[in-house]
N, C-alpha and C. Protein backbone atom coordinates (compact mmCIF):
# COMPACT_ATOMS: atom_id res chain seq x y z
N MET A 1 67.00 -199.46 26.66
CA MET A 1 67.53 -198.55 27.66
C MET A 1 66.57 -197.36 27.82
N THR A 2 66.29 -196.99 29.05
CA THR A 2 65.44 -195.86 29.34
C THR A 2 66.30 -194.65 29.69
N VAL A 3 65.99 -193.54 29.08
CA VAL A 3 66.72 -192.30 29.33
C VAL A 3 65.85 -191.40 30.21
N LYS A 4 66.40 -190.98 31.34
CA LYS A 4 65.68 -190.05 32.21
C LYS A 4 65.87 -188.64 31.69
N LYS A 5 64.79 -187.92 31.55
CA LYS A 5 64.86 -186.52 31.13
C LYS A 5 64.44 -185.64 32.30
N LEU A 6 65.10 -184.52 32.44
CA LEU A 6 64.73 -183.56 33.48
C LEU A 6 63.49 -182.79 33.05
N ASP A 7 62.60 -182.57 33.96
CA ASP A 7 61.45 -181.72 33.71
C ASP A 7 61.95 -180.29 33.78
N ILE A 8 62.10 -179.63 32.63
CA ILE A 8 62.74 -178.31 32.60
C ILE A 8 61.95 -177.26 33.35
N ALA A 9 60.67 -177.50 33.58
CA ALA A 9 59.88 -176.52 34.33
C ALA A 9 60.26 -176.52 35.81
N ARG A 10 60.97 -177.54 36.27
CA ARG A 10 61.33 -177.65 37.69
C ARG A 10 62.77 -177.22 37.96
N TRP A 11 63.42 -176.63 36.97
CA TRP A 11 64.83 -176.25 37.10
C TRP A 11 65.03 -174.83 36.57
N LEU A 12 65.83 -174.03 37.28
CA LEU A 12 66.13 -172.67 36.84
C LEU A 12 67.63 -172.42 36.90
N GLY A 13 68.11 -171.57 36.01
CA GLY A 13 69.49 -171.13 36.06
C GLY A 13 69.70 -170.22 37.27
N ALA A 14 70.94 -169.90 37.58
CA ALA A 14 71.28 -169.13 38.79
C ALA A 14 70.63 -167.74 38.79
N ALA A 15 70.71 -167.02 37.68
CA ALA A 15 70.14 -165.67 37.63
C ALA A 15 68.62 -165.72 37.81
N ASP A 16 67.97 -166.66 37.14
CA ASP A 16 66.52 -166.78 37.26
C ASP A 16 66.12 -167.25 38.66
N ALA A 17 66.91 -168.12 39.24
CA ALA A 17 66.64 -168.58 40.61
C ALA A 17 66.73 -167.41 41.59
N GLY A 18 67.72 -166.56 41.41
CA GLY A 18 67.85 -165.38 42.25
C GLY A 18 66.66 -164.45 42.13
N ARG A 19 66.24 -164.20 40.89
CA ARG A 19 65.07 -163.35 40.66
C ARG A 19 63.81 -163.97 41.26
N TYR A 20 63.68 -165.29 41.13
CA TYR A 20 62.52 -166.01 41.66
C TYR A 20 62.41 -165.81 43.17
N LEU A 21 63.56 -165.79 43.85
CA LEU A 21 63.58 -165.64 45.31
C LEU A 21 63.65 -164.19 45.77
N GLY A 22 64.03 -163.29 44.86
CA GLY A 22 64.21 -161.90 45.24
C GLY A 22 65.58 -161.65 45.85
N TYR A 23 66.54 -162.51 45.54
CA TYR A 23 67.91 -162.36 46.02
C TYR A 23 68.86 -162.34 44.83
N SER A 24 70.13 -162.18 45.11
CA SER A 24 71.11 -162.16 44.03
C SER A 24 71.49 -163.56 43.59
N ARG A 25 72.10 -163.63 42.42
CA ARG A 25 72.63 -164.89 41.91
C ARG A 25 73.67 -165.45 42.88
N ASP A 26 74.49 -164.55 43.43
CA ASP A 26 75.53 -164.95 44.38
C ASP A 26 74.92 -165.60 45.62
N TRP A 27 73.82 -165.08 46.10
CA TRP A 27 73.13 -165.65 47.27
C TRP A 27 72.73 -167.09 46.99
N VAL A 28 72.19 -167.33 45.81
CA VAL A 28 71.79 -168.69 45.41
C VAL A 28 73.01 -169.59 45.34
N GLU A 29 74.08 -169.13 44.70
CA GLU A 29 75.28 -169.95 44.52
C GLU A 29 75.96 -170.29 45.85
N ARG A 30 75.86 -169.39 46.84
CA ARG A 30 76.44 -169.69 48.16
C ARG A 30 75.69 -170.81 48.88
N ARG A 31 74.44 -171.00 48.54
CA ARG A 31 73.62 -172.04 49.16
C ARG A 31 73.53 -173.30 48.30
N ALA A 32 74.29 -173.34 47.24
CA ALA A 32 74.24 -174.46 46.29
C ALA A 32 74.85 -175.73 46.87
N LEU A 33 74.23 -176.83 46.51
CA LEU A 33 74.69 -178.15 46.92
C LEU A 33 74.50 -179.08 45.73
N GLU A 34 75.58 -179.75 45.32
CA GLU A 34 75.45 -180.67 44.19
C GLU A 34 74.39 -181.71 44.52
N TRP A 35 73.69 -182.17 43.50
CA TRP A 35 72.53 -183.03 43.67
C TRP A 35 72.79 -184.21 44.59
N GLN A 36 71.86 -184.43 45.50
CA GLN A 36 71.79 -185.63 46.32
C GLN A 36 70.30 -185.94 46.45
N ASP A 37 69.98 -187.20 46.75
CA ASP A 37 68.57 -187.60 46.75
C ASP A 37 67.74 -186.93 47.83
N LYS A 38 68.33 -186.67 48.98
CA LYS A 38 67.58 -186.05 50.07
C LYS A 38 67.89 -184.55 50.15
N PRO A 39 66.85 -183.73 50.34
CA PRO A 39 67.10 -182.29 50.50
C PRO A 39 67.84 -182.00 51.79
N ALA A 40 68.59 -180.92 51.80
CA ALA A 40 69.33 -180.48 52.99
C ALA A 40 68.76 -179.14 53.42
N PRO A 41 68.60 -178.92 54.72
CA PRO A 41 68.06 -177.65 55.19
C PRO A 41 68.92 -176.46 54.75
N ASP A 42 68.27 -175.40 54.35
CA ASP A 42 68.93 -174.15 53.95
C ASP A 42 69.87 -174.29 52.75
N ARG A 43 69.70 -175.33 51.97
CA ARG A 43 70.54 -175.54 50.79
C ARG A 43 69.66 -175.69 49.55
N ILE A 44 70.23 -175.38 48.40
CA ILE A 44 69.52 -175.49 47.13
C ILE A 44 70.31 -176.46 46.25
N ARG A 45 69.69 -177.58 45.94
CA ARG A 45 70.37 -178.60 45.13
C ARG A 45 70.37 -178.20 43.66
N TYR A 46 71.41 -178.63 42.97
CA TYR A 46 71.53 -178.34 41.54
C TYR A 46 72.09 -179.54 40.80
N LYS A 47 71.86 -179.55 39.50
CA LYS A 47 72.49 -180.49 38.58
C LYS A 47 73.05 -179.64 37.45
N LYS A 48 74.10 -180.15 36.82
CA LYS A 48 74.67 -179.46 35.67
C LYS A 48 73.96 -179.93 34.41
N ALA A 49 73.57 -178.98 33.58
CA ALA A 49 72.90 -179.30 32.32
C ALA A 49 73.89 -179.94 31.36
N ARG A 50 73.44 -180.93 30.68
CA ARG A 50 74.32 -181.60 29.70
C ARG A 50 74.63 -180.69 28.52
N SER A 51 73.67 -179.86 28.16
CA SER A 51 73.84 -179.03 26.96
C SER A 51 74.94 -177.99 27.09
N ASP A 52 75.05 -177.35 28.27
CA ASP A 52 76.03 -176.27 28.40
C ASP A 52 76.87 -176.36 29.67
N GLY A 53 76.62 -177.33 30.52
CA GLY A 53 77.40 -177.51 31.73
C GLY A 53 77.09 -176.53 32.85
N ARG A 54 76.10 -175.69 32.66
CA ARG A 54 75.73 -174.72 33.70
C ARG A 54 74.84 -175.37 34.74
N ARG A 55 74.90 -174.80 35.93
CA ARG A 55 74.07 -175.32 37.02
C ARG A 55 72.60 -174.97 36.80
N ARG A 56 71.75 -175.93 37.12
CA ARG A 56 70.31 -175.72 37.12
C ARG A 56 69.81 -176.04 38.51
N TYR A 57 69.10 -175.11 39.10
CA TYR A 57 68.67 -175.22 40.49
C TYR A 57 67.25 -175.77 40.57
N PHE A 58 67.01 -176.65 41.54
CA PHE A 58 65.75 -177.38 41.70
C PHE A 58 64.70 -176.47 42.32
N VAL A 59 63.62 -176.21 41.59
CA VAL A 59 62.59 -175.27 42.02
C VAL A 59 61.98 -175.62 43.38
N PRO A 60 61.65 -176.88 43.69
CA PRO A 60 61.12 -177.16 45.03
C PRO A 60 62.07 -176.74 46.17
N ASP A 61 63.38 -176.81 45.95
CA ASP A 61 64.33 -176.33 46.96
C ASP A 61 64.28 -174.80 47.06
N LEU A 62 64.08 -174.12 45.92
CA LEU A 62 63.95 -172.67 45.93
C LEU A 62 62.69 -172.28 46.69
N GLU A 63 61.60 -173.00 46.46
CA GLU A 63 60.35 -172.70 47.14
C GLU A 63 60.46 -172.94 48.63
N ALA A 64 61.26 -173.91 49.05
CA ALA A 64 61.49 -174.16 50.47
C ALA A 64 62.19 -172.97 51.11
N GLN A 65 63.04 -172.28 50.35
CA GLN A 65 63.71 -171.08 50.87
C GLN A 65 62.70 -169.95 51.10
N LEU A 66 61.67 -169.90 50.29
CA LEU A 66 60.64 -168.88 50.45
C LEU A 66 59.83 -169.07 51.72
N CYS A 67 59.71 -170.32 52.16
CA CYS A 67 58.89 -170.64 53.33
C CYS A 67 59.63 -170.39 54.64
N GLU A 68 60.92 -170.14 54.59
CA GLU A 68 61.70 -169.97 55.82
C GLU A 68 61.62 -168.56 56.35
């Protein structure tokens, strides 16, 4: 059996995601979308970490917000 591991460098918690973008944690959470394979415009996809159940936001989606 192969276990997929998340590349932790590509995921940030809500507070760090907000700081990365220069916005509040609340701003990030309002744009949150549970993980799906295709990105959605103006949305930031997340997955819940197995270790603590907290949301981890996908850095490429955060970077897409910077380009808008």
